[in-house]
Protein backbone atom coordinates (compact mmCIF):
# COMPACT_ATOMS: atom_id res chain seq x y z
CA UNK A 1 -30.45 -28.02 -13.83
CA UNK A 2 -32.59 -29.87 -16.35
CA UNK A 3 -31.87 -29.60 -20.00
CA UNK A 4 -32.77 -26.09 -21.76
CA UNK A 5 -35.16 -26.25 -24.38
CA UNK A 6 -33.84 -25.64 -27.94
CA UNK A 7 -35.53 -22.15 -28.38
CA UNK A 8 -35.16 -21.09 -24.90
CA UNK A 9 -31.36 -21.66 -25.36
CA UNK A 10 -31.12 -19.51 -28.79
CA UNK A 11 -33.19 -16.79 -26.62
CA UNK A 12 -30.28 -17.02 -24.09
CA UNK A 13 -27.47 -16.82 -26.66
CA UNK A 14 -29.38 -13.87 -28.36
CA UNK A 15 -29.79 -12.23 -25.00
CA UNK A 16 -26.06 -12.62 -23.88
CA UNK A 17 -24.64 -11.36 -26.70
CA UNK A 18 -26.87 -8.26 -26.65
CA UNK A 19 -25.99 -7.79 -23.00
CA UNK A 20 -22.38 -8.17 -23.63
CA UNK A 21 -22.47 -5.61 -26.78
CA UNK A 22 -24.57 -3.07 -24.66
CA UNK A 23 -21.50 -2.83 -22.17
CA UNK A 24 -19.05 -2.70 -25.18
CA UNK A 25 -20.58 0.16 -26.45
CA UNK A 26 -21.08 1.70 -23.29
CA UNK A 27 -17.53 1.37 -22.24
CA UNK A 28 -16.10 2.95 -25.42
CA UNK A 29 -14.54 6.18 -24.48
CA UNK A 30 -15.28 7.93 -27.76
CA UNK A 31 -18.75 7.19 -27.91
CA UNK A 32 -20.69 10.32 -28.02
CA UNK A 33 -24.11 9.09 -26.67
CA UNK A 34 -23.60 5.84 -25.04
CA UNK A 35 -26.81 5.28 -23.41
CA UNK A 36 -28.89 5.18 -26.42
CA UNK A 37 -26.90 2.18 -27.85
CA UNK A 38 -26.89 0.84 -24.38
CA UNK A 39 -30.54 0.87 -23.45
CA UNK A 40 -31.43 -0.44 -27.07
CA UNK A 41 -29.33 -3.26 -26.63
CA UNK A 42 -30.11 -3.84 -22.83
CA UNK A 43 -33.82 -3.85 -23.78
CA UNK A 44 -33.10 -6.65 -26.53
CA UNK A 45 -31.43 -8.56 -23.98
CA UNK A 46 -33.91 -8.11 -21.18
CA UNK A 47 -36.75 -9.09 -23.58
CA UNK A 48 -34.82 -12.03 -24.97
CA UNK A 49 -34.07 -13.19 -21.60
CA UNK A 50 -37.54 -13.07 -20.17
CA UNK A 51 -38.89 -14.88 -23.07
CA UNK A 52 -36.34 -17.36 -22.69
CA UNK A 53 -37.59 -17.92 -18.98
CA UNK A 54 -41.38 -18.14 -20.21
CA UNK A 55 -40.20 -20.88 -22.90
CA UNK A 56 -38.75 -22.75 -19.61
CA UNK A 57 -41.90 -22.30 -17.64
CA UNK A 58 -43.94 -23.05 -20.49
CA UNK A 59 -45.67 -19.78 -20.62
CA UNK A 60 -47.25 -18.40 -23.75
CA UNK A 61 -45.89 -15.01 -24.12
CA UNK A 62 -47.97 -14.07 -27.28
CA UNK A 63 -50.63 -11.32 -27.54
CA UNK A 64 -54.25 -12.46 -28.36
CA UNK A 65 -56.84 -11.07 -30.23
CA UNK A 66 -59.18 -13.06 -28.16
CA UNK A 67 -59.18 -16.23 -26.59
CA UNK A 68 -58.20 -18.32 -29.26
CA UNK A 69 -56.66 -15.89 -32.17
CA UNK A 70 -52.92 -14.48 -31.69
CA UNK A 71 -52.02 -11.21 -32.95
CA UNK A 72 -49.82 -11.77 -35.94
CA UNK A 73 -47.14 -9.50 -37.70
CA UNK A 74 -45.79 -10.76 -41.01
CA UNK A 75 -47.03 -14.26 -40.48
CA UNK A 76 -45.55 -14.57 -36.97
CA UNK A 77 -47.31 -14.45 -33.63
CA UNK A 78 -46.68 -11.08 -32.01
CA UNK A 79 -44.64 -11.81 -28.49
CA UNK A 80 -44.85 -9.36 -25.64
CA UNK A 81 -42.65 -6.32 -25.43
CA UNK A 82 -40.61 -5.47 -22.84
CA UNK A 83 -42.83 -3.54 -20.79
CA UNK A 84 -45.33 -6.63 -20.71
CA UNK A 85 -42.95 -9.28 -20.29
CA UNK A 86 -41.45 -7.66 -17.19
CA UNK A 87 -44.82 -6.78 -15.96
CA UNK A 88 -45.76 -10.69 -16.10
CA UNK A 89 -42.59 -11.67 -14.77
CA UNK A 90 -41.83 -9.13 -11.81
CA UNK A 91 -45.59 -9.08 -10.67
CA UNK A 92 -44.97 -6.81 -7.99
CA UNK A 93 -45.97 -3.44 -9.37
CA UNK A 94 -43.29 -1.60 -7.03
CA UNK A 95 -40.64 -4.00 -7.74
CA UNK A 96 -37.13 -2.21 -8.19
CA UNK A 97 -36.22 -4.17 -11.03
CA UNK A 98 -39.49 -3.89 -12.80
CA UNK A 99 -39.63 0.16 -12.44
CA UNK A 100 -36.09 0.21 -13.43
CA UNK A 101 -37.05 -1.75 -16.80
CA UNK A 102 -40.12 0.56 -16.82
CA UNK A 103 -38.06 3.77 -16.71
CA UNK A 104 -35.80 2.73 -19.67
CA UNK A 105 -38.89 1.51 -21.88
CA UNK A 106 -40.55 5.04 -21.45
CA UNK A 107 -36.99 6.75 -21.51
CA UNK A 108 -36.15 4.97 -24.92
CA UNK A 109 -39.77 6.38 -26.44
CA UNK A 110 -38.46 9.87 -25.30
CA UNK A 111 -34.88 9.99 -26.80
CA UNK A 112 -35.45 7.77 -29.77
CA UNK A 113 -35.38 11.10 -32.11
CA UNK A 114 -33.39 13.09 -29.86
CA UNK A 115 -29.53 13.80 -29.66
CA UNK A 116 -28.93 14.19 -25.98
CA UNK A 117 -25.75 12.79 -24.87
CA UNK A 118 -25.51 14.95 -21.90
CA UNK A 119 -28.13 12.52 -20.05
CA UNK A 120 -25.25 9.86 -19.87
CA UNK A 121 -24.44 11.14 -16.69
CA UNK A 122 -28.00 11.64 -15.21
CA UNK A 123 -28.70 7.95 -15.51
CA UNK A 124 -25.51 5.98 -14.91
CA UNK A 125 -26.97 4.55 -11.48
CA UNK A 126 -30.18 3.25 -13.49
CA UNK A 127 -28.08 1.71 -16.24
CA UNK A 128 -25.65 -0.04 -13.93
CA UNK A 129 -28.70 -1.33 -11.79
CA UNK A 130 -30.17 -2.62 -15.02
CA UNK A 131 -26.96 -4.44 -16.10
CA UNK A 132 -26.75 -6.09 -12.42
CA UNK A 133 -30.32 -6.99 -12.00
CA UNK A 134 -30.09 -8.61 -15.49
CA UNK A 135 -27.06 -10.92 -14.24
CA UNK A 136 -28.92 -12.03 -11.20
CA UNK A 137 -31.83 -12.98 -12.88
CA UNK A 138 -30.18 -14.87 -15.77
CA UNK A 139 -28.28 -16.98 -13.27
CA UNK A 140 -30.79 -16.87 -10.85
CA UNK A 141 -33.00 -18.67 -13.84
CA UNK A 142 -30.44 -20.71 -15.64
CA UNK A 143 -27.69 -21.17 -13.39
CA UNK A 144 -24.10 -19.49 -13.08
CA UNK A 145 -22.77 -21.13 -16.15
CA UNK A 146 -24.89 -18.39 -17.94
CA UNK A 147 -23.60 -15.46 -16.32
CA UNK A 148 -22.11 -12.55 -18.09
CA UNK A 149 -19.85 -10.94 -15.37
CA UNK A 150 -16.80 -13.02 -16.26
CA UNK A 151 -16.77 -11.26 -19.59
CA UNK A 152 -16.89 -7.66 -18.23
CA UNK A 153 -14.54 -5.44 -16.62
CA UNK A 154 -14.71 -2.54 -14.74
CA UNK A 155 -14.69 0.84 -17.13
CA UNK A 156 -11.77 2.88 -16.90
CA UNK A 157 -11.74 6.63 -16.83
CA UNK A 158 -9.35 9.39 -17.72
CA UNK A 159 -9.92 11.91 -14.80
CA UNK A 160 -8.84 14.81 -16.24
CA UNK A 161 -10.63 13.99 -19.72
CA UNK A 162 -13.51 13.16 -17.89
CA UNK A 163 -13.82 16.82 -15.85
CA UNK A 164 -13.34 18.82 -19.02
CA UNK A 165 -16.04 16.52 -20.72
CA UNK A 166 -18.27 17.10 -17.70
CA UNK A 167 -17.95 20.74 -17.76
CA UNK A 168 -18.78 20.76 -21.74
CA UNK A 169 -21.94 18.69 -20.64
CA UNK A 170 -22.85 20.95 -17.81
CA UNK A 171 -22.58 24.09 -20.46
CA UNK A 172 -24.93 22.26 -22.91
CA UNK A 173 -27.63 21.46 -19.91
CA UNK A 174 -29.72 24.16 -21.09
CA UNK A 175 -30.71 22.87 -24.54
CA UNK A 176 -34.59 22.56 -25.12
CA UNK A 177 -33.92 18.62 -25.72
CA UNK A 178 -32.14 17.98 -22.59
CA UNK A 179 -34.44 19.93 -20.44
CA UNK A 180 -37.80 18.01 -21.95
CA UNK A 181 -36.12 14.46 -21.22
CA UNK A 182 -34.53 15.85 -17.90
CA UNK A 183 -38.02 16.52 -16.71
CA UNK A 184 -39.25 13.37 -17.57
CA UNK A 185 -36.34 11.62 -15.57
CA UNK A 186 -37.44 13.77 -12.58
CA UNK A 187 -40.72 13.23 -12.83
CA UNK A 188 -40.71 9.72 -13.19
CA UNK A 189 -38.26 9.30 -9.91
CA UNK A 190 -40.42 11.53 -8.37
CA UNK A 191 -43.44 9.43 -8.61
CA UNK A 192 -41.24 6.09 -7.06
CA UNK A 193 -42.03 5.16 -3.32
CA UNK A 194 -39.19 5.79 -1.02
CA UNK A 195 -38.01 2.00 -0.78
CA UNK A 196 -37.95 1.76 -4.58
CA UNK A 197 -35.74 4.80 -5.31
CA UNK A 198 -33.34 3.81 -2.68
CA UNK A 199 -33.10 0.67 -3.74
CA UNK A 200 -29.88 -0.62 -5.52
CA UNK A 201 -31.87 -2.91 -7.84
CA UNK A 202 -33.53 0.62 -9.22
CA UNK A 203 -30.50 2.90 -8.98
CA UNK A 204 -26.85 1.54 -8.46
CA UNK A 205 -24.75 4.03 -6.80
CA UNK A 206 -21.19 3.38 -5.40
CA UNK A 207 -18.07 5.19 -3.99
CA UNK A 208 -14.98 4.27 -4.85
CA UNK A 209 -12.29 4.33 -2.24
CA UNK A 210 -8.76 3.75 -2.65
CA UNK A 211 -7.83 0.14 -1.19
CA UNK A 212 -4.89 0.03 0.83
CA UNK A 213 -3.13 -3.46 0.84
CA UNK A 214 -1.37 -4.11 4.44
CA UNK A 215 -0.39 -7.64 4.13
CA UNK A 216 0.92 -9.84 1.29
CA UNK A 217 -2.71 -11.00 -0.16
CA UNK A 218 -4.50 -8.11 0.54
CA UNK A 219 -3.98 -6.64 -3.01
CA UNK A 220 -4.70 -9.54 -5.12
CA UNK A 221 -8.26 -7.90 -6.20
CA UNK A 222 -7.90 -4.13 -6.87
CA UNK A 223 -11.78 -4.03 -7.02
CA UNK A 224 -14.24 -5.52 -4.53
CA UNK A 225 -17.72 -5.07 -4.75
CA UNK A 226 -19.03 -5.45 -1.08
CA UNK A 227 -22.25 -7.05 -0.81
CA UNK A 228 -24.43 -5.83 2.02
CA UNK A 229 -28.20 -5.93 2.64
CA UNK A 230 -29.94 -2.32 3.15
CA UNK A 231 -33.10 -4.40 5.00
CA UNK A 232 -30.43 -4.83 7.85
CA UNK A 233 -30.59 -1.59 9.86
CA UNK A 234 -27.56 -2.50 11.84
CA UNK A 235 -25.40 -3.00 8.32
CA UNK A 236 -27.31 -0.05 6.94
CA UNK A 237 -26.05 2.03 9.90
CA UNK A 238 -22.53 1.28 9.36
CA UNK A 239 -22.40 2.16 5.93
CA UNK A 240 -24.00 5.16 6.42
CA UNK A 241 -21.57 6.06 9.11
CA UNK A 242 -18.68 5.43 6.36
CA UNK A 243 -19.96 7.73 4.03
CA UNK A 244 -20.27 10.62 6.42
CA UNK A 245 -16.27 11.20 5.94
CA UNK A 246 -16.40 10.62 2.07
CA UNK A 247 -19.97 11.53 0.69
CA UNK A 248 -19.46 13.79 -2.33
CA UNK A 249 -21.84 16.84 -2.64
CA UNK A 250 -25.00 16.21 -4.92
CA UNK A 251 -25.05 19.28 -7.20
CA UNK A 252 -27.84 20.23 -9.13
CA UNK A 253 -27.11 22.44 -11.85
CA UNK A 254 -30.83 23.51 -11.82
CA UNK A 255 -30.78 25.45 -8.74
CA UNK A 256 -32.03 28.95 -8.47
CA UNK A 257 -30.19 32.43 -8.49
CA UNK A 258 -30.78 34.87 -5.75
CA UNK A 259 -33.10 37.03 -7.84
CA UNK A 260 -35.50 34.18 -8.29
CA UNK A 261 -35.24 33.40 -4.70
CA UNK A 262 -36.30 36.56 -3.42
CA UNK A 263 -39.03 36.61 -5.78
CA UNK A 264 -40.54 33.44 -4.63
CA UNK A 265 -40.04 34.10 -1.09
CA UNK A 266 -42.04 37.95 -1.57
CA UNK A 267 -44.83 36.14 -3.51
CA UNK A 268 -45.24 33.33 -0.58
CA UNK A 269 -45.12 36.05 2.14
CA UNK A 270 -46.55 39.05 0.71
CA UNK A 271 -50.17 38.80 2.15
CA UNK A 272 -48.46 37.59 5.76
CA UNK A 273 -46.15 40.55 5.93
CA UNK A 274 -46.77 44.32 6.79
CA UNK A 275 -47.90 46.53 4.09
CA UNK A 276 -45.46 47.64 1.52
CA UNK A 277 -42.95 45.02 2.47
CA UNK A 278 -40.47 44.03 0.22
CA UNK A 279 -37.75 41.33 0.11
CA UNK A 280 -34.92 42.18 -2.28
CA UNK A 281 -31.88 39.91 -3.49
CA UNK A 282 -29.09 42.51 -2.79
CA UNK A 283 -30.25 42.97 0.76
CA UNK A 284 -32.91 41.04 2.55
CA UNK A 285 -31.62 37.81 0.84
CA UNK A 286 -27.93 38.16 1.61
CA UNK A 287 -28.79 38.86 5.16
CA UNK A 288 -30.53 35.46 5.30
CA UNK A 289 -28.01 33.60 3.69
CA UNK A 290 -25.60 35.24 5.96
CA UNK A 291 -27.50 34.52 9.10
CA UNK A 292 -27.82 31.10 8.39
CA UNK A 293 -24.44 30.57 7.10
CA UNK A 294 -26.02 28.98 3.59
CA UNK A 295 -22.79 29.80 1.86
CA UNK A 296 -19.11 31.53 2.59
CA UNK A 297 -18.85 35.13 2.41
CA UNK A 298 -18.07 36.77 -1.28
CA UNK A 299 -14.22 36.15 -1.95
CA UNK A 300 -13.77 33.20 -0.25
CA UNK A 301 -11.13 30.85 -1.17
CA UNK A 302 -13.04 28.02 -0.38
CA UNK A 303 -16.71 28.88 -2.40
CA UNK A 304 -17.50 25.35 -2.50
CA UNK A 305 -18.17 25.24 1.16
CA UNK A 306 -21.91 25.58 1.38
CA UNK A 307 -24.80 24.09 3.23
CA UNK A 308 -25.49 21.94 0.52
CA UNK A 309 -29.22 21.20 1.16
CA UNK A 310 -29.91 24.89 0.44
CA UNK A 311 -27.07 26.42 -1.64
CA UNK A 312 -24.29 25.19 -4.16
CA UNK A 313 -21.12 26.57 -5.96
CA UNK A 314 -21.20 25.83 -9.74
CA UNK A 315 -17.78 25.74 -10.54
CA UNK A 316 -18.23 25.89 -14.24
CA UNK A 317 -20.02 29.20 -14.01
CA UNK A 318 -18.36 30.39 -10.73
CA UNK A 319 -21.62 31.75 -9.25
CA UNK A 320 -24.49 30.16 -6.34
CA UNK A 321 -27.48 28.34 -6.77
CA UNK A 322 -30.04 28.31 -4.27
CA UNK A 323 -32.54 25.11 -3.51
CA UNK A 324 -36.13 24.94 -3.35
CA UNK A 325 -35.73 23.53 0.15
CA UNK A 326 -34.05 27.19 0.97
CA UNK A 327 -36.86 28.83 -0.55
CA UNK A 328 -39.30 26.66 1.75
CA UNK A 329 -36.84 27.08 4.33
CA UNK A 330 -37.18 30.93 4.58
CA UNK A 331 -40.84 31.16 4.03
CA UNK A 332 -41.40 29.21 7.03
CA UNK A 333 -38.45 30.98 9.03
CA UNK A 334 -39.29 34.65 7.98
CA UNK A 335 -42.79 34.23 9.46
CA UNK A 336 -41.04 34.26 12.97
CA UNK A 337 -41.57 38.08 13.62
CA UNK A 338 -39.07 38.15 16.19
CA UNK A 339 -36.65 36.01 14.29
CA UNK A 340 -37.10 38.17 11.12
CA UNK A 341 -36.01 41.10 13.17
CA UNK A 342 -33.27 39.55 14.09
CA UNK A 343 -32.07 38.70 10.55
CA UNK A 344 -32.95 41.88 9.36
CA UNK A 345 -31.06 43.75 12.38
CA UNK A 346 -34.25 45.53 13.17
CA UNK A 347 -34.23 47.10 16.46
């Protein structure tokens, strides 16, 4: 690799220091709002990295007033911010790496004046992808000598403490500030293309599986990341089969109670059913979840054994919640008159 320009070198040093500090803050067990500090420092790391790349490629990365004059701040040319830098480097608007950075630019603005530590768990995948994309980009542009991975270790967690904290977080998730930020997160993800939202470069998702050593050197590395190509159908199918046995249930704590489900179904079908038709949560809805086995019977010793696409067990509040998919499913199914009679046990 050719000699790096002095300014590019200084930008790289600033970038790497910011990235390492971001990870250090995120991994500190007593940090109350780790995502906030992480996002700010990783934004600095990414901005400095992209500016270093532009320096290397002799690309001017400053805003202009017109064709010849630059915008100035305190006597200095105003350089591109992270959003503009990402746009110039990742030219594909649907690049997972670019959409990941754009997510954090917008999220940073949302949480700048809020204290919402409960979102840490919601955005872990995006945070991890932001770091991995950073590592891939810096090594691609400047070589393995600039990698930061050798200075990073896998964050250890105390499982009992983690579970207690998660329960506390769940209870605080009804705050107005959390709901506003969570709404933004859901809307942003909802507007992404399927290939972006499923990309590991946008949201990095992993499962930890105990690694069994069956020969002398098999446990030299306690933790390994297996690189796989999601664009390879055979390889993707292999890992999908593996995940069938270990995949955790993705629980949403924003599900609907039975009364809300019953009201939603009634509103959707009231003009399509006989006059004076009713759909009550204590009778009609109960018959439905029993018929479709959406959840176990009341008093079951395994209340979590639900059809997760329709229903989930909220362990913290010890109650069931139902999904939008369940509401849509009932609206469709109950319009079949014969099936409706069978569910409601009408002769």
